[in-house]
Amino acid sequence: MRNRLSQFLLIIALLIFWQAAGLLGWWPPDRYARPVDVAAALERLGGSGELLAALLVTLRRMLAGYISATLLGALLGLAMARLPRVSAVVSPLVTGLQALPAICWYPLAHLWLELDEGAILLVIAIGTLSSVASAAEGAIRTIPQAFVRAAATMGARGWRLYVRVILPAALPTLLTGMRAGWTSAWRLLMAAEMLGASPGLGRLLGSGQESGDAALVVALMLIVLAVGLSVDRLVFARAERAVRLRWGYEQDA
């Protein structure tokens, strides 16, 4: 409770400083957006329906790219952890994908697919896949082999061994990788939409910059921040806590 109060007071203090800086003219008025200007921009966006339409497009892209890449990354990490030959061939590629910023794939993806939509989805998938694959591989490798052998002797073989033993044991670490993958994919999506011409939150943000509307830019930045934090806190943080409680890593208050 005390931490939340401190956070609230910090936000209020920042808002007061922000508004005061605008009133005192510390920055050029045509390039500085006060809180009241940002609130007006948010109201204008919400009233026109433009914000909702862009948000739905962005979330649809995010879910399509993230879910497909997460499934593929989990399977790839499983294969690398359980099959040494696959690991020897694929692990350097996954490491290379992590070393190269995924947004660098956008120009090439656009040349390949000739569509903003496909290029954006490919960038999201590449950025997510490497994080999830590495997390899945590391999680599965840390499972004590004694547990796997004991489960096998009790009849857990084939797909049952993976579904009932290996994947549940790897889930806590895998969720951490999925959370990191989501954060990375969200940043990549904004960058890719700003580079492309298709509608979306990133494209709106780029339009605000092109038109010189500082209030619109700040308003959209706050929306991007709010959506990213909401998904992180309401989905991934709660899922990680539930798994930690289920596995006994944390005690319920």
Protein backbone atom coordinates (compact mmCIF):
# COMPACT_ATOMS: atom_id res chain seq x y z
CA MET A 1 0.00 0.00 0.00
CA ARG A 2 2.84 2.37 0.91
CA ASN A 3 4.61 1.65 -2.41
CA ARG A 4 1.46 2.42 -4.38
CA LEU A 5 1.00 5.69 -2.53
CA SER A 6 4.61 6.64 -3.27
CA GLN A 7 4.13 5.80 -6.95
CA PHE A 8 0.95 7.88 -7.07
CA LEU A 9 2.65 10.87 -5.46
CA LEU A 10 5.57 10.58 -7.88
CA ILE A 11 3.20 10.64 -10.86
CA ILE A 12 1.40 13.70 -9.47
CA ALA A 13 4.73 15.48 -8.92
CA LEU A 14 5.84 14.72 -12.47
CA LEU A 15 2.55 16.02 -13.87
CA ILE A 16 2.86 19.23 -11.89
CA PHE A 17 6.44 19.74 -13.08
CA TRP A 18 5.40 18.93 -16.65
CA GLN A 19 2.57 21.49 -16.61
CA ALA A 20 4.71 24.12 -14.87
CA ALA A 21 7.49 23.72 -17.46
CA GLY A 22 4.97 24.49 -20.18
CA LEU A 23 3.50 27.50 -18.40
CA LEU A 24 6.94 28.95 -17.69
CA GLY A 25 7.95 28.59 -21.33
CA TRP A 26 11.08 26.51 -20.76
CA TRP A 27 10.59 24.88 -24.17
CA PRO A 28 9.23 26.33 -27.46
CA PRO A 29 5.40 26.17 -27.30
CA ASP A 30 5.10 24.82 -30.85
CA ARG A 31 7.25 21.79 -29.96
CA TYR A 32 6.16 21.23 -26.37
CA ALA A 33 2.95 19.53 -25.29
CA ARG A 34 1.53 20.29 -21.86
CA PRO A 35 -0.61 17.72 -20.01
CA VAL A 36 -3.77 19.62 -20.94
CA ASP A 37 -2.74 19.49 -24.62
CA VAL A 38 -2.12 15.75 -24.39
CA ALA A 39 -5.49 15.21 -22.71
CA ALA A 40 -7.16 17.14 -25.53
CA ALA A 41 -5.36 15.02 -28.11
CA LEU A 42 -6.50 11.84 -26.37
CA GLU A 43 -10.08 13.09 -26.33
CA ARG A 44 -9.87 13.95 -30.01
CA LEU A 45 -8.46 10.53 -30.90
CA GLY A 46 -11.06 8.70 -28.86
CA GLY A 47 -13.96 10.73 -30.22
CA SER A 48 -13.00 10.22 -33.85
CA GLY A 49 -12.73 6.44 -33.53
CA GLU A 50 -9.28 6.56 -35.12
CA LEU A 51 -7.55 5.37 -31.97
CA LEU A 52 -9.78 2.31 -31.51
CA ALA A 53 -9.38 1.27 -35.14
CA ALA A 54 -5.58 1.60 -34.98
CA LEU A 55 -5.41 -0.23 -31.64
CA LEU A 56 -7.42 -3.18 -32.96
CA VAL A 57 -5.18 -3.48 -36.02
CA THR A 58 -2.04 -3.36 -33.86
CA LEU A 59 -3.30 -5.94 -31.35
CA ARG A 60 -4.38 -8.28 -34.15
CA ARG A 61 -0.90 -8.12 -35.66
CA MET A 62 0.72 -8.58 -32.29
CA LEU A 63 -1.30 -11.67 -31.41
CA ALA A 64 -0.85 -13.28 -34.82
CA GLY A 65 2.91 -12.79 -34.90
CA TYR A 66 3.53 -13.49 -31.23
CA ILE A 67 1.43 -16.65 -30.87
CA SER A 68 2.81 -18.29 -34.00
CA ALA A 69 6.41 -17.43 -33.07
CA THR A 70 5.92 -18.60 -29.47
CA LEU A 71 4.66 -22.01 -30.56
CA LEU A 72 7.47 -22.42 -33.06
CA GLY A 73 10.06 -21.14 -30.59
CA ALA A 74 8.92 -23.57 -27.88
CA LEU A 75 9.12 -26.51 -30.29
CA LEU A 76 12.52 -25.36 -31.53
CA GLY A 77 13.84 -24.98 -27.98
CA LEU A 78 12.54 -28.45 -27.12
CA ALA A 79 14.30 -29.93 -30.14
CA MET A 80 17.57 -28.16 -29.30
CA ALA A 81 17.44 -29.38 -25.71
CA ARG A 82 16.59 -32.99 -26.48
CA LEU A 83 18.39 -33.59 -29.80
CA PRO A 84 22.14 -32.82 -29.75
CA ARG A 85 22.43 -32.78 -33.55
CA VAL A 86 19.66 -30.22 -33.85
CA SER A 87 21.29 -28.11 -31.16
CA ALA A 88 24.67 -28.19 -32.91
CA VAL A 89 23.12 -26.92 -36.15
CA VAL A 90 20.40 -24.56 -34.93
CA SER A 91 21.83 -22.98 -31.74
CA PRO A 92 24.33 -20.75 -33.60
CA LEU A 93 21.47 -19.52 -35.81
CA VAL A 94 19.31 -18.66 -32.80
CA THR A 95 22.24 -16.85 -31.18
CA GLY A 96 22.78 -14.92 -34.40
CA LEU A 97 19.13 -13.87 -34.48
CA GLN A 98 19.49 -12.47 -30.98
CA ALA A 99 22.64 -10.55 -31.90
CA LEU A 100 21.00 -8.88 -34.93
CA PRO A 101 18.23 -6.39 -34.06
CA ALA A 102 15.07 -7.88 -35.51
CA ILE A 103 13.93 -4.54 -36.96
CA CYS A 104 16.85 -4.86 -39.40
CA TRP A 105 14.82 -7.61 -41.10
CA TYR A 106 12.06 -5.19 -42.08
CA PRO A 107 13.59 -3.87 -45.35
CA LEU A 108 14.43 -7.39 -46.52
CA ALA A 109 11.05 -8.76 -45.44
CA HIS A 110 9.34 -5.96 -47.36
CA LEU A 111 11.34 -6.85 -50.48
CA TRP A 112 10.46 -10.52 -50.10
CA LEU A 113 6.77 -10.16 -49.34
CA GLU A 114 6.03 -6.79 -51.00
CA LEU A 115 3.45 -6.12 -48.29
CA ASP A 116 3.64 -4.08 -45.10
CA GLU A 117 1.46 -6.59 -43.27
CA GLY A 118 3.63 -9.58 -44.04
CA ALA A 119 6.85 -7.70 -43.32
CA ILE A 120 5.55 -6.52 -39.94
CA LEU A 121 4.43 -10.01 -38.94
CA LEU A 122 7.77 -11.49 -39.97
CA VAL A 123 9.68 -8.95 -37.88
CA ILE A 124 7.52 -9.73 -34.83
CA ALA A 125 7.98 -13.46 -35.33
CA ILE A 126 11.76 -13.25 -35.66
CA GLY A 127 12.08 -11.08 -32.57
CA THR A 128 9.91 -13.40 -30.48
CA LEU A 129 11.17 -16.75 -31.73
CA SER A 130 14.77 -16.41 -30.57
CA SER A 131 13.79 -15.34 -27.03
CA VAL A 132 11.29 -18.16 -26.57
CA ALA A 133 13.53 -20.79 -28.17
CA SER A 134 16.48 -19.89 -25.92
CA ALA A 135 14.27 -19.85 -22.82
CA ALA A 136 12.71 -23.20 -23.71
CA GLU A 137 16.09 -24.81 -24.37
CA GLY A 138 17.57 -23.51 -21.12
CA ALA A 139 14.51 -24.52 -19.10
CA ILE A 140 14.46 -28.08 -20.44
CA ARG A 141 18.21 -28.54 -19.98
CA THR A 142 17.94 -27.64 -16.30
CA ILE A 143 15.37 -30.37 -15.58
CA PRO A 144 17.13 -33.07 -13.51
CA GLN A 145 17.50 -36.18 -15.62
CA ALA A 146 16.63 -38.27 -12.57
CA PHE A 147 13.08 -36.84 -12.78
CA VAL A 148 12.83 -37.73 -16.45
CA ARG A 149 14.09 -41.28 -15.89
CA ALA A 150 11.78 -41.77 -12.91
CA ALA A 151 8.78 -40.63 -14.97
CA ALA A 152 9.80 -42.96 -17.79
CA THR A 153 9.97 -45.95 -15.46
CA MET A 154 6.42 -45.13 -14.29
CA GLY A 155 5.09 -45.28 -17.83
CA ALA A 156 5.47 -41.70 -19.04
CA ARG A 157 6.93 -42.31 -22.47
CA GLY A 158 6.69 -40.71 -25.89
CA TRP A 159 4.44 -37.66 -26.07
CA ARG A 160 3.20 -38.27 -22.51
CA LEU A 161 6.72 -37.67 -21.19
CA TYR A 162 6.84 -34.28 -22.87
CA VAL A 163 3.29 -33.19 -22.06
CA ARG A 164 3.11 -34.43 -18.48
CA VAL A 165 6.71 -34.06 -17.26
CA ILE A 166 9.10 -32.02 -19.38
CA LEU A 167 6.91 -29.09 -20.44
CA PRO A 168 5.29 -28.58 -16.99
CA ALA A 169 8.73 -28.64 -15.35
CA ALA A 170 10.04 -26.12 -17.87
CA LEU A 171 7.00 -23.83 -17.63
CA PRO A 172 8.29 -21.33 -15.01
CA THR A 173 11.41 -20.49 -17.03
CA LEU A 174 9.52 -20.70 -20.31
CA LEU A 175 7.03 -18.10 -19.09
CA THR A 176 9.89 -15.73 -18.33
CA GLY A 177 11.12 -16.17 -21.91
CA MET A 178 7.62 -15.62 -23.26
CA ARG A 179 7.35 -12.43 -21.23
CA ALA A 180 10.65 -11.16 -22.62
CA GLY A 181 9.52 -12.17 -26.10
CA TRP A 182 6.30 -10.18 -25.74
CA THR A 183 8.16 -7.06 -24.61
CA SER A 184 10.60 -7.36 -27.51
CA ALA A 185 7.80 -8.01 -30.01
CA TRP A 186 5.81 -4.99 -28.77
CA ARG A 187 8.78 -2.68 -29.32
CA LEU A 188 9.45 -4.20 -32.74
CA LEU A 189 5.83 -3.81 -33.77
CA MET A 190 5.84 -0.10 -33.00
CA ALA A 191 9.06 0.40 -34.97
CA ALA A 192 7.82 -1.65 -37.94
CA GLU A 193 4.49 0.17 -38.07
CA MET A 194 6.27 3.52 -38.05
CA LEU A 195 8.38 2.39 -41.01
CA GLY A 196 5.39 1.01 -42.94
CA ALA A 197 2.35 2.64 -44.44
CA SER A 198 -0.33 0.35 -42.98
CA PRO A 199 -2.64 1.65 -40.22
CA GLY A 200 -1.80 1.00 -36.59
CA LEU A 201 -0.61 2.73 -33.42
CA GLY A 202 2.92 3.01 -34.77
CA ARG A 203 1.69 4.57 -38.01
CA LEU A 204 -0.37 7.10 -36.04
CA LEU A 205 2.72 7.92 -34.00
CA GLY A 206 4.72 8.48 -37.16
CA SER A 207 1.95 10.67 -38.59
CA GLY A 208 2.02 12.83 -35.48
CA GLN A 209 5.75 13.35 -35.90
CA GLU A 210 5.36 14.18 -39.60
CA SER A 211 2.65 16.75 -38.86
CA GLY A 212 4.61 18.31 -35.99
CA ASP A 213 1.81 17.62 -33.49
CA ALA A 214 3.74 17.13 -30.23
CA ALA A 215 0.55 16.59 -28.19
CA LEU A 216 -0.54 13.77 -30.49
CA VAL A 217 2.89 12.14 -30.32
CA VAL A 218 2.96 12.21 -26.50
CA ALA A 219 -0.64 10.97 -26.28
CA LEU A 220 0.14 7.99 -28.49
CA MET A 221 3.35 7.26 -26.57
CA LEU A 222 1.30 7.09 -23.37
CA ILE A 223 -1.17 4.72 -25.02
CA VAL A 224 1.62 2.45 -26.27
CA LEU A 225 3.12 2.45 -22.77
CA ALA A 226 -0.25 1.73 -21.14
CA VAL A 227 -1.03 -1.21 -23.44
CA GLY A 228 2.42 -2.72 -23.00
CA LEU A 229 2.35 -2.41 -19.22
CA SER A 230 -1.23 -3.70 -18.98
CA VAL A 231 -0.45 -6.90 -20.87
CA ASP A 232 2.76 -7.41 -18.89
CA ARG A 233 1.11 -6.93 -15.50
CA LEU A 234 -2.33 -8.46 -16.13
CA VAL A 235 -1.23 -11.47 -18.18
CA PHE A 236 2.40 -12.42 -17.74
CA ALA A 237 3.02 -11.25 -14.17
CA ARG A 238 -0.12 -13.03 -12.98
CA ALA A 239 0.71 -16.18 -14.93
CA GLU A 240 4.23 -16.28 -13.50
CA ARG A 241 2.91 -15.80 -9.97
CA ALA A 242 0.31 -18.53 -10.43
CA VAL A 243 2.97 -20.96 -11.66
CA ARG A 244 5.34 -20.07 -8.81
CA LEU A 245 2.56 -20.71 -6.30
CA ARG A 246 1.61 -23.96 -8.01
CA TRP A 247 5.21 -25.19 -8.03
CA GLY A 248 5.91 -24.04 -4.47
CA TYR A 249 8.46 -21.36 -5.42
CA GLU A 250 6.40 -18.72 -3.61
CA GLN A 251 3.98 -18.71 -0.69
CA ASP A 252 0.57 -17.12 -1.05
CA ALA A 253 0.15 -14.07 1.19
